[in-house]
Amino acid sequence: MKILLVHQNYPGQFLHLGPALMARGHEVLALTDQKNNRPSKVRVLKYKTPVEVKCSQPMAGAYAEHVERGYMAARGARALRDRYKYTPDVIFGHSGWGETLFLKEVWPEARLLVYAELLYRSRGHDIGFDPEMTQDLDLARFKSTARNAHLAMGILQCDAALAPTQYQAGSFPAELQSKITVIHDGIDSDVMTPDPEASFTLPNGKVLRAGDEVLTYVSRSLEPYRGFHMLMRALPEVMAARPEAQVVMVGNEGVSYGGQPGDAESWKAKLLAEVGEKLDLDRIHFLGRVPYEDYRRVIQVGRVHCYLSYPFVLSWSLTEAMSAGAYIVGSDTEPVRELIRDGENGRLVPFFDRDALSAALIRGLAGADPEAARLRKAARATILDGYDLRRQSLPRLIDWVEGFGPKA
């Protein structure tokens, strides 16, 4: 059948799915933003990048921006239909940026599937979770509600939706959840594996090897949503107790979620100003964003991997670290609990309990947890048993998409 994948940053979540569908004989195309130059094994067609939307009403700004992107994607889709007589049987698009909003108007007979990553909640999720970061809670709730308009429309319009975790599916109201199937994107456990021979060379030339006393932390951005501030405040005690430990952090200094601090150029700068004098900065290594192979080796050499998160979208870094057999110290928050069960395949601590976090990290770095080997093995088994790309996720994703074909 003819399958159209839609994502402004293609391939995104469709990295493995697109080529796998092609290999099964389907005609697969991808529709993406004109400025997206990421490599793709699938033929890519591009819609014109939306112009900047200026809106005088702040609560309407996000909706206006996403509707404009949806309109530009629809114009590209209409050109495909009118100039090239292209009509897909199935459209599978990420609904997060509005690209799927008008595609049913172009191809009303096509089955529309959307990747439903998350619906923002004004209560019980990230909004108001961290009092330190919320100055005007009412305003934050207003903005969160306003940002949901295009996401809710995406679910209402689609024939079916997909979410990667139960937590993320559960962010949508009960009346919409019947449309959502939960299948994780999948982790390539043949690539992200334990490696007792792994090594990584730091920018200063020091070589770290598997088994060394290394604490790792990975986030797209070093920011509060991923507990960067809590880890940084725990490090003085951790580094004092473990004078040989090396701390390796992967992530840029910008912001992916939430906002910048009002009194510093970045959260890294703010936290270094707060606790830097208490730290041995020669043993903390901020790598920024790194190539995947470097990231993989960082995870493989770590003795302890720290993953903290607000109640929000789960990071691939947690599942990849588990696949590599990492000893996880994570936050006892709902999305993390879906993967990590305290004492079974990792250790959980309350997000805001700095003393508990410090103690858990010190214990792990010291090799004082007699269950460490079992927890590492169980973390990898969790991925192999339910989140493995080739054995679990990809076959399920293929079956799900093919189930909406003309013969379904």
Protein backbone atom coordinates (compact mmCIF):
# COMPACT_ATOMS: atom_id res chain seq x y z
CA MET A 1 0.00 0.00 0.00
CA LYS A 2 0.94 3.66 -0.20
CA ILE A 3 2.07 5.05 3.14
CA LEU A 4 2.87 8.71 3.85
CA LEU A 5 4.93 9.50 6.97
CA VAL A 6 4.74 13.10 8.21
CA HIS A 7 7.21 14.69 10.62
CA GLN A 8 8.82 18.14 10.57
CA ASN A 9 12.14 16.57 11.65
CA TYR A 10 11.83 13.32 9.72
CA PRO A 11 12.81 10.58 10.42
CA GLY A 12 12.25 11.29 14.14
CA GLN A 13 10.23 8.45 15.64
CA PHE A 14 9.92 6.84 12.18
CA LEU A 15 13.66 6.14 11.79
CA HIS A 16 13.27 2.36 11.70
CA LEU A 17 9.62 2.06 10.73
CA GLY A 18 9.91 3.74 7.31
CA PRO A 19 12.67 1.46 5.93
CA ALA A 20 10.99 -1.61 7.46
CA LEU A 21 7.72 -0.84 5.67
CA MET A 22 9.63 -0.31 2.41
CA ALA A 23 11.32 -3.68 2.87
CA ARG A 24 7.88 -5.28 3.07
CA GLY A 25 6.99 -3.92 -0.36
CA HIS A 26 5.02 -0.82 0.55
CA GLU A 27 5.46 2.48 -1.28
CA VAL A 28 6.64 4.81 1.47
CA LEU A 29 7.08 8.58 1.22
CA ALA A 30 7.95 11.11 3.89
CA LEU A 31 6.69 14.69 4.09
CA THR A 32 8.81 17.09 6.11
CA ASP A 33 9.84 20.72 6.57
CA GLN A 34 11.82 22.34 3.78
CA LYS A 35 14.70 23.10 6.16
CA ASN A 36 15.06 19.54 7.38
CA ASN A 37 18.19 17.99 5.88
CA ARG A 38 18.46 14.87 8.01
CA PRO A 39 19.50 11.76 6.06
CA SER A 40 16.72 9.35 5.19
CA LYS A 41 16.44 5.92 3.61
CA VAL A 42 12.92 6.84 2.58
CA ARG A 43 12.20 9.24 -0.27
CA VAL A 44 11.53 12.64 1.28
CA LEU A 45 9.29 15.41 -0.06
CA LYS A 46 9.24 18.83 1.57
CA TYR A 47 6.64 21.47 2.31
CA LYS A 48 7.52 25.14 2.54
CA THR A 49 8.72 26.22 5.97
CA PRO A 50 6.00 28.25 7.72
CA VAL A 51 6.61 31.95 8.17
CA GLU A 52 6.89 33.27 11.70
CA VAL A 53 3.43 33.81 13.11
CA LYS A 54 2.90 37.06 14.99
CA CYS A 55 0.00 36.96 17.42
CA SER A 56 -0.94 39.78 19.78
CA GLN A 57 -2.72 37.38 22.14
CA PRO A 58 -0.21 35.20 24.03
CA MET A 59 -2.66 32.38 24.72
CA ALA A 60 -3.41 32.05 21.01
CA GLY A 61 0.19 32.17 19.84
CA ALA A 62 0.99 28.46 20.08
CA TYR A 63 -2.24 27.47 18.33
CA ALA A 64 -1.65 30.00 15.56
CA GLU A 65 1.87 28.68 15.03
CA HIS A 66 0.76 25.06 14.82
CA VAL A 67 -2.18 25.81 12.55
CA GLU A 68 0.16 27.65 10.19
CA ARG A 69 2.46 24.61 10.04
CA GLY A 70 -0.55 22.40 9.43
CA TYR A 71 -1.59 24.67 6.59
CA MET A 72 1.84 24.54 4.96
CA ALA A 73 1.93 20.76 5.28
CA ALA A 74 -1.53 20.61 3.72
CA ARG A 75 -0.41 22.80 0.82
CA GLY A 76 2.43 20.38 0.20
CA ALA A 77 0.00 17.47 0.40
CA ARG A 78 -2.36 19.17 -2.05
CA ALA A 79 0.48 19.62 -4.54
CA LEU A 80 1.21 15.90 -4.26
CA ARG A 81 -2.41 15.13 -4.96
CA ASP A 82 -3.03 17.60 -7.79
CA ARG A 83 0.29 17.60 -9.64
CA TYR A 84 1.35 14.00 -9.15
CA LYS A 85 -2.00 12.27 -8.57
CA TYR A 86 -0.68 10.82 -5.35
CA THR A 87 -3.17 9.40 -2.86
CA PRO A 88 -1.94 7.47 0.17
CA ASP A 89 -3.81 4.59 1.71
CA VAL A 90 -2.41 5.40 5.15
CA ILE A 91 -1.00 8.63 6.61
CA PHE A 92 1.04 8.35 9.82
CA GLY A 93 2.12 11.70 11.22
CA HIS A 94 3.38 13.22 14.45
CA SER A 95 0.62 15.47 15.77
CA GLY A 96 2.88 17.57 17.98
CA TRP A 97 3.40 20.47 15.58
CA GLY A 98 0.04 20.57 13.81
CA GLU A 99 1.15 18.93 10.57
CA THR A 100 -1.72 16.43 10.49
CA LEU A 101 -4.51 18.97 11.07
CA PHE A 102 -5.71 19.35 7.48
CA LEU A 103 -4.51 16.17 5.78
CA LYS A 104 -7.95 14.55 5.98
CA GLU A 105 -9.27 17.50 3.99
CA VAL A 106 -6.81 16.71 1.21
CA TRP A 107 -7.26 12.92 1.33
CA PRO A 108 -10.60 12.19 3.08
CA GLU A 109 -10.47 8.48 2.20
CA ALA A 110 -7.00 7.88 3.65
CA ARG A 111 -6.67 6.34 7.09
CA LEU A 112 -5.04 8.92 9.34
CA LEU A 113 -2.81 7.69 12.17
CA VAL A 114 -1.11 10.08 14.57
CA TYR A 115 1.81 9.75 16.94
CA ALA A 116 0.29 11.06 20.17
CA GLU A 117 3.35 11.91 22.22
CA LEU A 118 1.69 13.74 25.11
CA LEU A 119 -1.27 15.90 26.06
CA TYR A 120 -0.35 18.68 28.46
CA ARG A 121 -2.09 18.58 31.81
CA SER A 122 -2.59 21.63 33.99
CA ARG A 123 -2.60 19.47 37.12
CA GLY A 124 -0.92 16.28 38.21
CA HIS A 125 1.89 16.31 35.65
CA ASP A 126 4.71 18.79 35.07
CA ILE A 127 2.77 22.00 35.73
CA GLY A 128 3.22 22.92 39.39
CA PHE A 129 5.37 19.84 40.06
CA ASP A 130 8.45 21.89 40.91
CA PRO A 131 7.44 24.92 43.02
CA GLU A 132 10.88 26.45 42.59
CA MET A 133 10.30 26.82 38.86
CA THR A 134 6.72 28.09 38.93
CA GLN A 135 6.25 31.80 39.61
CA ASP A 136 2.65 32.16 38.45
CA LEU A 137 0.86 28.82 38.68
CA ASP A 138 -2.43 30.09 37.27
CA LEU A 139 -0.66 31.49 34.19
CA ALA A 140 1.25 28.25 33.72
CA ARG A 141 -2.02 26.32 33.78
CA PHE A 142 -3.63 28.71 31.30
CA LYS A 143 -0.71 28.28 28.89
CA SER A 144 -0.73 24.50 29.28
CA THR A 145 -4.43 24.34 28.46
CA ALA A 146 -4.00 26.63 25.46
CA ARG A 147 -1.19 24.48 24.07
CA ASN A 148 -3.48 21.46 23.94
CA ALA A 149 -5.86 22.72 21.27
CA HIS A 150 -4.05 21.33 18.22
CA LEU A 151 -3.13 18.12 20.05
CA ALA A 152 -6.73 17.39 21.00
CA MET A 153 -7.84 18.19 17.44
CA GLY A 154 -5.26 15.76 16.12
CA ILE A 155 -6.73 12.91 18.17
CA LEU A 156 -10.30 13.85 17.33
CA GLN A 157 -9.56 13.79 13.59
CA CYS A 158 -7.52 10.62 13.40
CA ASP A 159 -8.63 7.05 12.85
CA ALA A 160 -6.17 5.78 15.45
CA ALA A 161 -3.24 6.99 17.50
CA LEU A 162 -0.02 5.62 18.93
CA ALA A 163 1.78 6.50 22.17
CA PRO A 164 5.16 5.14 23.29
CA THR A 165 4.36 4.56 26.97
CA GLN A 166 1.32 3.98 29.16
CA TYR A 167 2.07 7.19 31.04
CA GLN A 168 2.03 9.24 27.83
CA ALA A 169 -1.16 7.57 26.60
CA GLY A 170 -2.70 8.27 29.99
CA SER A 171 -2.06 11.99 29.61
CA PHE A 172 -5.04 12.08 27.22
CA PRO A 173 -8.57 12.16 28.69
CA ALA A 174 -10.38 8.85 29.08
CA GLU A 175 -12.81 9.60 26.25
CA LEU A 176 -9.89 9.78 23.78
CA GLN A 177 -7.76 6.94 25.10
CA SER A 178 -9.80 4.31 23.27
CA LYS A 179 -8.11 5.48 20.05
CA ILE A 180 -4.59 5.08 21.44
CA THR A 181 -2.41 1.98 21.17
CA VAL A 182 0.78 1.83 23.26
CA ILE A 183 3.90 0.64 21.45
CA HIS A 184 7.33 1.93 22.35
CA ASP A 185 9.57 3.21 19.54
CA GLY A 186 12.01 0.44 20.36
CA ILE A 187 15.61 0.23 21.52
CA ASP A 188 18.26 -1.45 19.38
CA SER A 189 19.64 -3.79 22.01
CA ASP A 190 22.10 -5.23 19.48
CA VAL A 191 23.81 -1.82 19.42
CA MET A 192 23.24 -0.58 22.97
CA THR A 193 24.76 -3.52 24.84
CA PRO A 194 26.85 -4.03 27.96
CA ASP A 195 30.54 -3.96 27.06
CA PRO A 196 33.09 -4.79 29.77
CA GLU A 197 35.85 -3.65 27.38
CA ALA A 198 34.33 -0.24 26.65
CA SER A 199 36.41 2.89 27.02
CA PHE A 200 35.90 6.60 26.44
CA THR A 201 38.49 9.33 26.12
CA LEU A 202 37.55 12.61 27.76
CA PRO A 203 38.42 15.96 26.12
CA ASN A 204 41.29 16.34 28.61
CA GLY A 205 42.80 13.06 27.42
CA LYS A 206 41.84 10.97 30.43
CA VAL A 207 40.59 7.52 29.45
CA LEU A 208 37.59 6.07 31.27
CA ARG A 209 37.04 2.33 31.19
CA ALA A 210 34.13 0.10 32.05
CA GLY A 211 34.34 -0.64 35.75
CA ASP A 212 35.83 2.75 36.64
CA GLU A 213 34.05 4.92 39.18
CA VAL A 214 32.02 6.96 36.69
CA LEU A 215 28.67 8.69 37.17
CA THR A 216 26.82 9.44 33.92
CA TYR A 217 23.94 11.79 33.20
CA VAL A 218 22.31 12.35 29.80
CA SER A 219 19.69 14.86 28.72
CA ARG A 220 19.02 16.69 25.48
CA SER A 221 19.41 19.86 27.54
CA LEU A 222 20.77 20.41 31.03
CA GLU A 223 17.57 21.66 32.62
CA PRO A 224 15.19 21.19 35.57
CA TYR A 225 12.67 19.05 33.64
CA ARG A 226 15.34 16.33 33.69
CA GLY A 227 16.44 17.01 37.25
CA PHE A 228 19.71 18.71 36.39
CA HIS A 229 19.35 21.11 39.32
CA MET A 230 18.73 18.27 41.76
CA LEU A 231 21.76 16.32 40.58
CA MET A 232 24.04 19.35 40.69
CA ARG A 233 22.98 20.09 44.28
CA ALA A 234 23.68 16.48 45.24
CA LEU A 235 27.15 16.41 43.68
CA PRO A 236 29.10 18.22 46.44
CA GLU A 237 28.26 15.46 48.90
CA VAL A 238 28.76 12.72 46.31
CA MET A 239 32.14 13.96 45.14
CA ALA A 240 33.36 14.55 48.68
CA ALA A 241 32.45 11.00 49.64
CA ARG A 242 33.92 9.52 46.44
CA PRO A 243 37.16 11.45 45.74
CA GLU A 244 38.06 9.26 42.75
CA ALA A 245 34.69 9.49 41.00
CA GLN A 246 34.40 11.10 37.57
CA VAL A 247 31.11 12.73 36.51
CA VAL A 248 30.26 12.79 32.81
CA MET A 249 27.30 14.85 31.59
CA VAL A 250 25.93 14.80 28.05
CA GLY A 251 23.56 17.55 26.93
CA ASN A 252 23.53 21.08 25.60
CA GLU A 253 23.16 24.27 27.61
CA GLY A 254 19.91 25.38 26.01
CA VAL A 255 16.36 24.52 26.99
CA SER A 256 14.19 21.81 25.49
CA TYR A 257 11.34 22.03 28.03
CA GLY A 258 10.40 24.84 30.36
CA GLY A 259 12.26 28.14 30.29
CA GLN A 260 15.65 29.67 30.85
CA PRO A 261 16.58 30.93 34.33
CA GLY A 262 15.91 34.62 34.80
CA ASP A 263 19.24 35.32 36.45
CA ALA A 264 21.74 33.35 34.36
CA GLU A 265 22.49 32.53 30.73
CA SER A 266 21.80 28.83 31.27
CA TRP A 267 20.87 26.34 33.98
CA LYS A 268 24.43 25.06 33.90
CA ALA A 269 25.75 28.55 34.62
CA LYS A 270 23.18 29.08 37.36
CA LEU A 271 23.93 25.81 39.15
CA LEU A 272 27.69 26.23 38.85
CA ALA A 273 27.33 29.66 40.43
CA GLU A 274 25.30 28.08 43.22
CA VAL A 275 27.43 24.99 44.04
CA GLY A 276 30.56 25.28 41.90
CA GLU A 277 32.82 26.29 44.79
CA LYS A 278 31.93 23.03 46.54
CA LEU A 279 32.87 20.88 43.55
CA ASP A 280 36.07 19.50 42.12
CA LEU A 281 35.44 20.81 38.62
CA ASP A 282 38.38 18.83 37.23
CA ARG A 283 36.29 15.72 37.79
CA ILE A 284 33.07 16.99 36.17
CA HIS A 285 33.04 16.77 32.41
CA PHE A 286 30.35 18.62 30.45
CA LEU A 287 30.50 17.14 26.94
CA GLY A 288 27.62 19.03 25.33
CA ARG A 289 25.95 17.10 22.52
CA VAL A 290 28.04 14.23 21.23
CA PRO A 291 27.90 11.74 18.32
CA TYR A 292 25.88 8.61 19.04
CA GLU A 293 28.95 6.38 19.27
CA ASP A 294 30.47 8.62 21.95
CA TYR A 295 27.18 8.68 23.82
CA ARG A 296 26.99 4.87 23.67
CA ARG A 297 30.47 4.48 25.09
CA VAL A 298 29.78 7.00 27.86
CA ILE A 299 26.81 4.89 28.96
CA GLN A 300 28.85 1.67 28.72
CA VAL A 301 31.69 2.90 30.95
CA GLY A 302 29.40 4.28 33.66
CA ARG A 303 29.20 2.59 37.03
CA VAL A 304 26.03 4.55 37.87
CA HIS A 305 23.60 6.26 35.50
CA CYS A 306 21.38 8.99 36.99
CA TYR A 307 18.02 9.65 35.31
CA LEU A 308 15.68 12.21 36.83
CA SER A 309 12.51 13.56 35.28
CA TYR A 310 9.43 15.59 36.01
CA PRO A 311 6.16 13.76 35.22
CA PHE A 312 6.63 14.22 31.49
CA VAL A 313 7.71 12.49 28.27
CA LEU A 314 10.10 9.62 28.96
CA SER A 315 13.59 10.01 27.47
CA TRP A 316 15.12 7.45 25.13
CA SER A 317 18.30 7.81 27.20
CA LEU A 318 16.74 5.87 30.08
CA THR A 319 15.71 2.92 27.94
CA GLU A 320 19.05 2.92 26.12
CA ALA A 321 20.96 2.99 29.40
CA MET A 322 18.87 0.05 30.60
CA SER A 323 19.63 -1.80 27.38
CA ALA A 324 23.33 -1.28 28.09
CA GLY A 325 22.89 -2.88 31.48
CA ALA A 326 23.37 0.33 33.47
CA TYR A 327 22.90 0.59 37.21
CA ILE A 328 20.09 3.15 37.28
CA VAL A 329 19.39 5.64 40.03
CA GLY A 330 16.16 7.30 38.94
CA SER A 331 13.49 9.64 40.23
CA ASP A 332 10.39 8.11 41.77
CA THR A 333 8.08 9.83 39.30
CA GLU A 334 5.31 8.22 37.27
CA PRO A 335 6.98 7.95 33.83
CA VAL A 336 10.16 6.52 35.39
CA ARG A 337 8.23 4.01 37.53
CA GLU A 338 6.75 2.56 34.34
CA LEU A 339 10.24 1.28 33.45
CA ILE A 340 12.13 1.12 36.74
CA ARG A 341 10.86 -0.85 39.71
CA ASP A 342 12.81 -0.03 42.84
CA GLY A 343 14.90 -2.98 43.95
CA GLU A 344 13.99 -5.04 40.89
CA ASN A 345 15.83 -3.39 37.99
CA GLY A 346 17.16 -0.16 39.49
CA ARG A 347 16.93 2.24 42.39
CA LEU A 348 14.37 5.01 42.78
CA VAL A 349 14.56 8.07 45.03
CA PRO A 350 12.09 10.93 45.58
CA PHE A 351 12.74 13.66 43.02
CA PHE A 352 13.21 16.42 45.61
CA ASP A 353 15.09 14.39 48.24
CA ARG A 354 18.68 15.54 47.78
CA ASP A 355 19.95 13.43 50.69
CA ALA A 356 18.37 10.26 49.30
CA LEU A 357 19.78 10.99 45.84
CA SER A 358 23.27 11.61 47.22
CA ALA A 359 23.16 8.43 49.31
CA ALA A 360 22.01 6.31 46.38
CA LEU A 361 24.68 7.70 44.06
CA ILE A 362 27.42 7.26 46.68
CA ARG A 363 26.36 3.68 47.34
CA GLY A 364 26.34 2.85 43.66
CA LEU A 365 29.69 4.48 42.94
CA ALA A 366 31.26 2.76 45.94
CA GLY A 367 30.12 -0.62 44.68
CA ALA A 368 28.36 -1.07 48.02
CA ASP A 369 25.06 -2.35 46.61
CA PRO A 370 25.22 -6.16 46.71
CA GLU A 371 22.33 -6.28 44.24
CA ALA A 372 24.08 -4.16 41.60
CA ALA A 373 24.90 -7.00 39.19
CA ARG A 374 21.38 -8.39 39.42
CA LEU A 375 19.83 -4.94 38.90
CA ARG A 376 21.97 -4.32 35.83
CA LYS A 377 20.96 -7.66 34.33
CA ALA A 378 17.31 -7.05 35.15
CA ALA A 379 17.41 -3.58 33.56
CA ARG A 380 18.57 -5.06 30.27
CA ALA A 381 16.04 -7.89 30.53
CA THR A 382 13.26 -5.30 30.87
CA ILE A 383 14.22 -3.89 27.48
CA LEU A 384 14.66 -7.28 25.83
CA ASP A 385 11.29 -8.47 27.11
CA GLY A 386 9.15 -5.51 26.07
CA TYR A 387 11.01 -2.63 24.41
CA ASP A 388 13.47 -4.29 22.05
CA LEU A 389 13.41 -2.77 18.57
CA ARG A 390 13.74 -5.82 16.35
CA ARG A 391 12.14 -8.44 18.56
CA GLN A 392 9.31 -6.44 20.08
CA SER A 393 8.55 -2.89 18.99
CA LEU A 394 9.18 -2.91 15.24
CA PRO A 395 7.11 -6.04 14.47
CA ARG A 396 4.25 -4.61 16.52
CA LEU A 397 4.52 -1.22 14.81
CA ILE A 398 4.49 -2.82 11.36
CA ASP A 399 1.43 -4.93 12.22
CA TRP A 400 -0.33 -1.88 13.62
CA VAL A 401 0.23 0.26 10.51
CA GLU A 402 -0.55 -2.56 8.08
CA GLY A 403 -3.77 -3.22 9.96
CA PHE A 404 -5.15 0.02 8.54
CA GLY A 405 -4.52 -0.92 4.92
CA PRO A 406 -7.27 -1.21 2.29
CA LYS A 407 -7.95 -4.87 3.14
CA ALA A 408 -8.26 -4.24 6.87
